[in-house]
């Protein structure tokens, strides 16, 4: 397969799908490459209730399906393939995929990030059934419930503070004897009466029937284990942005792609949107906004290199 498109979008999560819609509406020749299924991490959401304008909760799958259909109606094309590498060749890009080589005038990288998992029995089985990696997304479902938060960094502390607004039974567990989060943030957590912290503690297993019912913990100092009742387990031990296909762009210390307010990377013609980029807040709505901005910027870039820029 040897193709050339004006714009290639890599990844069909919310950022990539929004970019596809906006770019296709701008009359660009758009190809979206997705390795698995359209939707990305949103596919793990059972009930999405905080997306603006959607009054009745929908699943992440339903939203992604609607977004893909919408993009296709505007003219975007989709293929299922793995992207192996992206290379800049003069003004264009060469994209090596499992289905062959593709050329593009501009590229939007929307490959997202993968949440790190603790890897204990029950974590995968109860994902979306009490195990979550997003407090803003799922916290309201556990209002007033017994919530465990795993992690000790800035993200874990931030999310615990948010969850403490919803419940007075938030229990943080961290494998070290102190937080690695910023001191000011750690102090806020320690002073919050709704948060109880168990240091030197790890999760051994998450248990339940149809949903999470308890968590088995181990003290790393004494090696003793005990089981605690639980309604939800939120895991915040970091995430890994999927940037391996573009090793040549500028990134921060976490590996997230650095962009400007137009989603432009350090390489002209290459844009990044969604969880793959440096961002202070990661939600479906912000990913969609990123995608729309990236598509608009890509359209302007293509006009400039093609000599069609509005003067």
Protein backbone atom coordinates (compact mmCIF):
# COMPACT_ATOMS: atom_id res chain seq x y z
CA UNK A 1 0.00 0.00 0.00
CA UNK A 2 1.54 3.26 -1.15
CA UNK A 3 -0.70 6.26 -0.56
CA UNK A 4 -0.35 9.99 -0.21
CA UNK A 5 -2.72 12.16 1.81
CA UNK A 6 -2.72 15.80 2.77
CA UNK A 7 -3.14 14.96 6.45
CA UNK A 8 -2.57 11.73 8.33
CA UNK A 9 -3.81 11.40 11.89
CA UNK A 10 -2.20 8.66 13.96
CA UNK A 11 -4.54 7.43 16.65
CA UNK A 12 -8.33 7.38 16.83
CA UNK A 13 -8.99 8.30 20.43
CA UNK A 14 -11.08 11.40 21.16
CA UNK A 15 -8.26 13.74 20.05
CA UNK A 16 -7.72 11.94 16.76
CA UNK A 17 -11.44 11.62 16.04
CA UNK A 18 -12.09 15.30 16.71
CA UNK A 19 -9.10 16.23 14.53
CA UNK A 20 -10.46 14.01 11.74
CA UNK A 21 -13.85 15.71 11.84
CA UNK A 22 -12.47 19.25 11.82
CA UNK A 23 -9.87 18.51 9.15
CA UNK A 24 -12.38 16.77 6.88
CA UNK A 25 -14.82 19.66 7.29
CA UNK A 26 -12.00 21.93 6.15
CA UNK A 27 -11.99 19.89 2.93
CA UNK A 28 -8.65 18.21 3.58
CA UNK A 29 -7.84 14.72 2.34
CA UNK A 30 -7.67 12.99 5.74
CA UNK A 31 -6.56 9.50 6.67
CA UNK A 32 -6.79 8.20 10.25
CA UNK A 33 -4.59 5.25 11.23
CA UNK A 34 -5.68 3.27 14.30
CA UNK A 35 -4.02 0.10 15.55
CA UNK A 36 -6.97 -1.23 17.54
CA UNK A 37 -10.49 0.21 17.83
CA UNK A 38 -11.53 3.84 17.57
CA UNK A 39 -11.99 5.37 21.01
CA UNK A 40 -8.68 4.79 22.77
CA UNK A 41 -8.89 4.91 26.56
CA UNK A 42 -12.48 6.14 26.38
CA UNK A 43 -13.52 2.57 25.52
CA UNK A 44 -12.98 1.65 29.17
CA UNK A 45 -15.60 4.16 30.32
CA UNK A 46 -18.88 2.48 31.20
CA UNK A 47 -20.88 5.66 31.80
CA UNK A 48 -19.72 9.03 30.53
CA UNK A 49 -21.74 11.75 32.23
CA UNK A 50 -19.50 14.82 32.20
CA UNK A 51 -19.18 15.51 28.48
CA UNK A 52 -20.81 18.88 27.70
CA UNK A 53 -24.20 18.60 26.05
CA UNK A 54 -24.72 14.88 26.64
CA UNK A 55 -27.52 14.79 29.21
CA UNK A 56 -27.95 11.03 29.48
CA UNK A 57 -24.77 9.03 30.20
CA UNK A 58 -23.32 7.08 27.27
CA UNK A 59 -20.52 4.56 27.17
CA UNK A 60 -17.10 5.49 25.84
CA UNK A 61 -17.73 3.06 22.98
CA UNK A 62 -20.95 4.82 22.00
CA UNK A 63 -19.30 8.25 21.99
CA UNK A 64 -16.34 6.99 19.95
CA UNK A 65 -18.66 5.29 17.46
CA UNK A 66 -20.64 8.50 16.98
CA UNK A 67 -17.46 10.55 16.58
CA UNK A 68 -16.03 8.16 13.98
CA UNK A 69 -19.30 8.12 12.03
CA UNK A 70 -19.40 11.90 12.11
CA UNK A 71 -15.81 12.16 10.82
CA UNK A 72 -16.52 9.67 8.04
CA UNK A 73 -19.62 11.61 6.97
CA UNK A 74 -17.40 14.65 6.48
CA UNK A 75 -15.04 12.59 4.31
CA UNK A 76 -12.31 11.22 6.60
CA UNK A 77 -10.96 7.76 5.81
CA UNK A 78 -9.87 5.16 8.38
CA UNK A 79 -7.54 2.19 8.16
CA UNK A 80 -6.50 -0.38 10.75
CA UNK A 81 -2.71 -0.66 10.94
CA UNK A 82 0.24 -0.35 13.28
CA UNK A 83 2.49 2.66 12.73
CA UNK A 84 6.12 1.63 12.96
CA UNK A 85 7.88 4.94 12.31
CA UNK A 86 7.36 8.50 11.11
CA UNK A 87 10.09 10.22 9.10
CA UNK A 88 10.40 13.77 7.80
CA UNK A 89 11.39 13.83 4.12
CA UNK A 90 11.90 17.38 2.86
CA UNK A 91 8.51 19.02 3.38
CA UNK A 92 6.51 15.77 3.51
CA UNK A 93 6.38 12.83 5.91
CA UNK A 94 6.87 9.11 5.29
CA UNK A 95 4.85 6.88 7.61
CA UNK A 96 5.87 3.23 7.81
CA UNK A 97 2.96 1.01 8.79
CA UNK A 98 2.21 -2.69 9.03
CA UNK A 99 0.17 -2.25 5.82
CA UNK A 100 2.84 -0.41 3.84
CA UNK A 101 4.19 3.10 3.40
CA UNK A 102 2.05 6.25 3.47
CA UNK A 103 3.06 9.80 2.57
CA UNK A 104 1.55 12.88 4.18
CA UNK A 105 1.86 16.61 3.86
CA UNK A 106 1.19 16.99 7.59
CA UNK A 107 0.78 14.63 10.53
CA UNK A 108 -1.13 14.81 13.79
CA UNK A 109 0.13 12.42 16.46
CA UNK A 110 -2.76 11.45 18.75
CA UNK A 111 -1.44 8.16 20.09
CA UNK A 112 -2.36 8.89 23.70
CA UNK A 113 -0.81 7.51 26.85
CA UNK A 114 -1.16 4.25 28.72
CA UNK A 115 -1.92 4.26 32.43
CA UNK A 116 0.56 2.25 34.45
CA UNK A 117 -1.07 -0.67 36.18
CA UNK A 118 -0.15 -2.17 39.54
CA UNK A 119 -0.44 -5.65 38.06
CA UNK A 120 -2.27 -7.42 40.88
CA UNK A 121 -5.04 -10.03 40.59
CA UNK A 122 -8.42 -8.38 40.12
CA UNK A 123 -7.14 -5.14 38.60
CA UNK A 124 -8.02 -6.05 35.03
CA UNK A 125 -11.15 -8.00 35.97
CA UNK A 126 -12.68 -5.03 37.81
CA UNK A 127 -11.58 -2.27 35.42
CA UNK A 128 -14.69 -0.14 34.98
CA UNK A 129 -16.35 -2.00 37.84
CA UNK A 130 -14.71 -0.16 40.71
CA UNK A 131 -11.13 0.03 39.44
CA UNK A 132 -10.43 3.34 37.75
CA UNK A 133 -7.56 5.52 36.56
CA UNK A 134 -9.49 8.81 36.41
CA UNK A 135 -11.05 10.47 39.47
CA UNK A 136 -12.80 13.19 37.48
CA UNK A 137 -14.39 10.59 35.19
CA UNK A 138 -15.50 8.04 37.77
CA UNK A 139 -15.29 9.67 41.20
CA UNK A 140 -18.90 10.93 41.25
CA UNK A 141 -20.14 7.33 40.93
CA UNK A 142 -18.67 6.62 44.37
CA UNK A 143 -19.95 9.61 46.28
CA UNK A 144 -19.97 8.80 50.01
CA UNK A 145 -18.35 5.41 49.37
CA UNK A 146 -15.15 3.83 50.69
CA UNK A 147 -12.46 4.76 48.16
CA UNK A 148 -8.85 3.58 47.99
CA UNK A 149 -6.22 5.59 46.13
CA UNK A 150 -2.95 3.91 45.12
CA UNK A 151 0.08 6.14 44.55
CA UNK A 152 2.23 8.76 46.21
CA UNK A 153 3.10 11.34 43.57
CA UNK A 154 1.55 14.66 42.56
CA UNK A 155 -1.16 12.99 40.50
CA UNK A 156 -2.22 10.62 43.28
CA UNK A 157 -2.37 13.45 45.82
CA UNK A 158 -4.28 15.74 43.46
CA UNK A 159 -6.82 13.04 42.68
CA UNK A 160 -7.18 12.08 46.34
CA UNK A 161 -7.97 15.70 47.20
CA UNK A 162 -10.64 15.72 44.50
CA UNK A 163 -12.13 12.43 45.73
CA UNK A 164 -12.14 13.76 49.31
CA UNK A 165 -14.74 16.31 48.15
CA UNK A 166 -17.01 13.40 47.27
CA UNK A 167 -16.40 11.09 50.22
CA UNK A 168 -15.07 11.24 53.76
CA UNK A 169 -13.71 7.70 53.40
CA UNK A 170 -10.67 8.11 51.14
CA UNK A 171 -7.74 5.85 52.00
CA UNK A 172 -4.40 6.40 50.27
CA UNK A 173 -1.86 3.61 50.14
CA UNK A 174 1.76 4.22 49.23
CA UNK A 175 4.61 1.73 49.22
CA UNK A 176 7.14 4.23 50.62
CA UNK A 177 7.30 5.84 54.07
CA UNK A 178 6.55 9.30 52.67
CA UNK A 179 5.02 10.89 49.59
CA UNK A 180 7.16 11.76 46.60
CA UNK A 181 4.71 14.55 45.73
CA UNK A 182 5.55 18.22 46.22
CA UNK A 183 5.72 19.08 49.91
CA UNK A 184 2.88 21.60 49.77
CA UNK A 185 0.60 19.08 48.09
CA UNK A 186 1.59 16.29 50.47
CA UNK A 187 0.88 18.57 53.42
CA UNK A 188 -2.61 19.29 52.12
CA UNK A 189 -3.32 15.58 51.86
CA UNK A 190 -2.00 14.88 55.35
CA UNK A 191 -4.12 17.69 56.78
CA UNK A 192 -7.33 16.64 55.04
CA UNK A 193 -9.68 14.97 57.57
CA UNK A 194 -11.37 12.95 54.82
CA UNK A 195 -8.12 11.25 53.77
CA UNK A 196 -6.39 8.50 55.73
CA UNK A 197 -2.91 7.51 54.56
CA UNK A 198 -1.32 4.07 54.86
CA UNK A 199 2.41 4.33 54.17
CA UNK A 200 4.70 1.33 53.59
CA UNK A 201 1.71 -0.45 52.12
CA UNK A 202 1.00 -2.13 48.79
CA UNK A 203 -2.04 -3.74 47.20
CA UNK A 204 -1.87 -7.51 46.85
CA UNK A 205 -5.26 -8.27 45.33
CA UNK A 206 -8.56 -6.60 44.47
CA UNK A 207 -11.58 -8.75 45.24
CA UNK A 208 -15.29 -8.78 44.56
CA UNK A 209 -18.19 -10.37 42.74
CA UNK A 210 -19.75 -8.25 40.01
CA UNK A 211 -17.87 -5.21 41.31
CA UNK A 212 -15.08 -4.29 43.73
CA UNK A 213 -15.88 -5.32 47.30
CA UNK A 214 -12.52 -5.44 49.08
CA UNK A 215 -8.78 -4.97 48.72
CA UNK A 216 -6.00 -7.11 50.21
CA UNK A 217 -3.09 -5.01 51.51
CA UNK A 218 0.43 -5.85 52.62
CA UNK A 219 2.68 -3.89 54.98
CA UNK A 220 6.11 -3.92 53.31
CA UNK A 221 7.90 -3.55 56.67
CA UNK A 222 6.20 -6.33 58.65
CA UNK A 223 5.06 -8.34 55.60
CA UNK A 224 1.66 -8.73 57.26
CA UNK A 225 -1.48 -8.73 55.10
CA UNK A 226 -5.00 -7.68 55.90
CA UNK A 227 -8.20 -7.20 53.93
CA UNK A 228 -10.21 -3.98 53.85
CA UNK A 229 -13.74 -3.39 52.51
CA UNK A 230 -13.68 -1.19 49.40
CA UNK A 231 -16.13 0.22 46.90
CA UNK A 232 -13.55 1.64 44.51
CA UNK A 233 -9.82 1.52 43.84
CA UNK A 234 -8.24 4.41 41.94
CA UNK A 235 -4.74 3.80 40.58
CA UNK A 236 -2.46 6.80 40.03
CA UNK A 237 1.10 5.58 39.56
CA UNK A 238 1.79 7.46 36.35
CA UNK A 239 1.24 7.02 32.64
CA UNK A 240 3.47 6.50 29.63
CA UNK A 241 2.87 8.69 26.55
CA UNK A 242 3.07 6.65 23.36
CA UNK A 243 5.76 8.62 21.51
CA UNK A 244 8.08 5.88 20.24
CA UNK A 245 7.22 6.56 16.60
CA UNK A 246 8.47 10.17 16.80
CA UNK A 247 11.77 10.05 18.72
CA UNK A 248 12.97 13.22 16.98
CA UNK A 249 10.47 15.69 18.50
CA UNK A 250 11.07 17.72 21.66
CA UNK A 251 9.61 16.19 24.84
CA UNK A 252 9.54 16.88 28.56
CA UNK A 253 11.10 14.69 31.24
CA UNK A 254 8.06 12.37 31.25
CA UNK A 255 8.34 11.75 27.52
CA UNK A 256 5.26 13.83 26.65
CA UNK A 257 5.50 15.85 23.44
CA UNK A 258 6.04 19.58 23.82
CA UNK A 259 3.68 21.73 21.75
CA UNK A 260 2.73 25.38 21.49
CA UNK A 261 -0.82 26.70 21.77
CA UNK A 262 -1.45 25.64 18.16
CA UNK A 263 -0.45 22.03 18.94
CA UNK A 264 2.69 22.49 16.82
CA UNK A 265 5.67 20.34 17.78
CA UNK A 266 9.33 21.20 17.26
CA UNK A 267 9.07 19.74 13.73
CA UNK A 268 7.21 21.86 11.12
CA UNK A 269 4.14 20.04 9.84
CA UNK A 270 3.98 17.68 12.80
CA UNK A 271 1.31 18.29 15.42
CA UNK A 272 0.35 16.49 18.64
CA UNK A 273 -2.99 16.33 20.45
CA UNK A 274 -4.48 14.65 23.49
CA UNK A 275 -2.74 12.64 26.20
CA UNK A 276 0.43 12.24 24.15
CA UNK A 277 1.30 15.91 24.69
CA UNK A 278 2.24 17.90 27.78
CA UNK A 279 -1.03 18.90 29.43
CA UNK A 280 -2.15 19.99 32.92
CA UNK A 281 -5.54 18.24 32.59
CA UNK A 282 -6.47 15.12 30.68
CA UNK A 283 -10.14 14.61 29.84
CA UNK A 284 -12.11 13.63 26.75
CA UNK A 285 -13.30 17.21 26.34
CA UNK A 286 -9.74 18.61 26.45
CA UNK A 287 -8.52 15.93 24.04
CA UNK A 288 -11.27 16.89 21.60
CA UNK A 289 -10.31 20.55 21.91
CA UNK A 290 -6.67 19.64 21.21
CA UNK A 291 -7.73 17.72 18.12
CA UNK A 292 -9.80 20.61 16.78
CA UNK A 293 -6.91 23.06 17.30
CA UNK A 294 -4.39 20.68 15.73
CA UNK A 295 -6.61 20.17 12.68
CA UNK A 296 -7.05 23.92 12.22
CA UNK A 297 -3.31 24.51 12.57
CA UNK A 298 -2.52 21.66 10.17
CA UNK A 299 -4.90 23.16 7.60
CA UNK A 300 -3.17 26.53 7.87
CA UNK A 301 0.25 24.86 7.57
CA UNK A 302 -0.78 23.00 4.42
CA UNK A 303 -2.15 26.19 2.89
CA UNK A 304 1.20 27.88 3.52
CA UNK A 305 3.38 25.13 2.03
CA UNK A 306 1.01 24.80 -0.94
CA UNK A 307 1.08 28.53 -1.53
CA UNK A 308 -2.58 28.99 -0.70
CA UNK A 309 -2.27 30.92 2.55
CA UNK A 310 -4.83 33.68 3.03
CA UNK A 311 -3.14 37.09 2.87
